[in-house]
Structures are given as C-alpha cells and as structure tokens.
Amino acid sequence: MKTLLLAASAVLALAAPQVAAAGCADFQITGTDLSLTYDPFSAAPIERSFTLRVRRIDSAATAVRFLLADTDSPAAAPRIGTGPGGYDIRWNRDTSRQVFVGGAEQPNATNGALVGFGQGPSGDVVTETLRFSLPAGQDAAAGDYYEALEARFVCYSGDQMLGSPDFQQGAGLAVDLNVPERISTYVGAAGIRRGEIAFGPLNAAGGVASRGLVVTTQSTVPYDIGVASRWGRLQRREGDLYGLDYAMRLSGVPVQAGSILSCTRTPAPSGRAHPVQVDLAQDQAARIPAGGYSDVVTLTFTPRAGLSSPDGCSNRL
C-alpha cells in the first residue's frame, strides 16, 4: 500500500482597511501571533499566547475595558470562518474572567479585561497577553480560514466613563488559520502500511472462503484510491501456469486491478475505514498442484479536485 503525504504551503492573504477607533483607544494583535496551522487529525490542540497592543488616543483616558467578539458565529459555537469551531480566547492575567464573546454582549463590570494607561506619552501604549485555544479533532477541509474579530470597549477617566461604548474591527484583529492538504493511511495501527490476508490451507469441498482487513484513511482533501496487483490472481511465482482466481471488494465496492474509487475527504478525527474483502472459491484447489500461492495488491491514495459520492466513495469507471 502506498501512502501519500502532502503539505500545503499556500497562505491566504486578506486585506481589509483598518477601522480607526473613533473613541479613546485602538487595538491590534502584534505580528503573526494568530497566523496558525491546524491538523484536524492531530491529538494535540492549538494553544497559542498572543500579544494585544492597546494604544490610548484620548489623552483624558486613564483606563479601558475591552472584550473581543466573534460577530458572525453562533454564540455557543464560535467558528473560524467556515472552518474549525470551538475556539476560545482567555486573558492570561485572569483566565476566569470572560474576555471573548459571541452575539451582542457588551463590556461591563462583570466581564472584559480592564487595563490602565500610564502617565504622559510613555503610558499611551500597553500590551496584554491573551491565549488562543482550539481543541483537537475539529472537522475541517484543507484551506485557509479567516476570522476578523471585533474589539468592544469602554473608556474611563478616573471613575467616570469617558464618552460612549465603542468598537473596532479590521485586519489587525484577526485569526488566520491554515489547514494543510494531507492524506495518510494505515493498516491496523498508525504507521503500519502493510497487511496480510491469509487463507491458510484450502478445502476443495469447503465452498467460498472470505478474508479481509481494514485500511484507515485520514484526509483533508477528496482523494482517489487506485487498485493494482502483481498478478491479478494467486500464484506460486512469476509466469506460473497455475493460479487461484479471487474476487475483491473495497469499501463494499467490487474492484480489480485498474479500478479507481473516488472518495470525499474523511471526517475528523477518526478518518474513514476502508474494509478490504477477498473471496476465494476453494474448489479451485482440486485443479492445481500443491504449494503456496500469493498475490500483492497495492492501494494508491492520491488527492483529487471536485466532488465525489455523498456516501463517501464511489467506483470511477
């Protein structure tokens, strides 16, 4: 069995004009802190600390309370664009305090991160460390996913609110996530690429013997499975005049050398099981010499463009 591993390096660059804050402050995630790569089949979640830069615009402001919001996802299930869901953002200074919301919730005394500015121009910029998390095993196709966040904030001068609550959006407040193209396969356990279907001694009066194994695939892209065999029947050696014919099914579909199955990408995190079943009529043993007969079947997994059967896999004629 041949395993194909692919790594996608394309990066989606989306440009949006920075929306200038009309109130007391503006916000920006520094550098590429939230430019991330995610493997839906990895057992490791994403945990990434990032720095949020808060700049005072109104010199009268002494503090600001802010929330980060996902404005286009259901409140209970934040999603990065149309990609992986279930992510969260926490404030490192107080992880129990809610600083990330969905829906229309606004900063108030019970939520948000409250940060103070210093005296004079040197106190105009403060930084806060937050932590982004995305659980392992979230289903997602290969591609680039972009989620622009919204900073909702209210400013204070001493104990008094300064102006009215405000908000800011723009490219400086965004999550940019890449899910690479990936196909991996295994037989029985991760890392195993070969398996054996053994019939043992045949009984000429025993009817049809059926044996099988399972090949598991994990893929973020649609893929084809090509079927090839060394001889197309069980033989003792190259050029053998005698052999045993067999029938094979892959994922319930009859196949032979040269067949191709077209499949949709697999669900995460478990992937897709492809049962391989081989049927052998044992009465053939009465017509051939004794000996050990075998064949080698190779399954080749390659990425493909477009859609395939909604049932998972279909025979491509």
Foldseek 3Di string as FASTA:
>chain_A
DDWDWDWDDDFDDDFDDWDDWPDFKDKFWDDVQQAEEAEQQDQDKDKTKTKMKIFTDDLLFFKKFKAKEQEPDPFVWADQAPFFIDKAKAFPVDRVAHRYTYDDDADDPRHTDMDGFDPDPVRRMDMTMMMMIGHHNTWGAFDKTKTKIKMWMWTDRVPHTDDDITMTIGPRRMHIYGYTWTKGKAWPDPPHDDDDWDPPDFDLPPFKDKTKTKMFMAGNFKKKKAKAKDPQFWDQDPPDPDTWHKWKDKQNHTDTHGWMKTFGGAHPHRGDIIMIMIMTTRNSVVVDDDDGIDMDMDIDMDGDDDDADPVTIDIDD
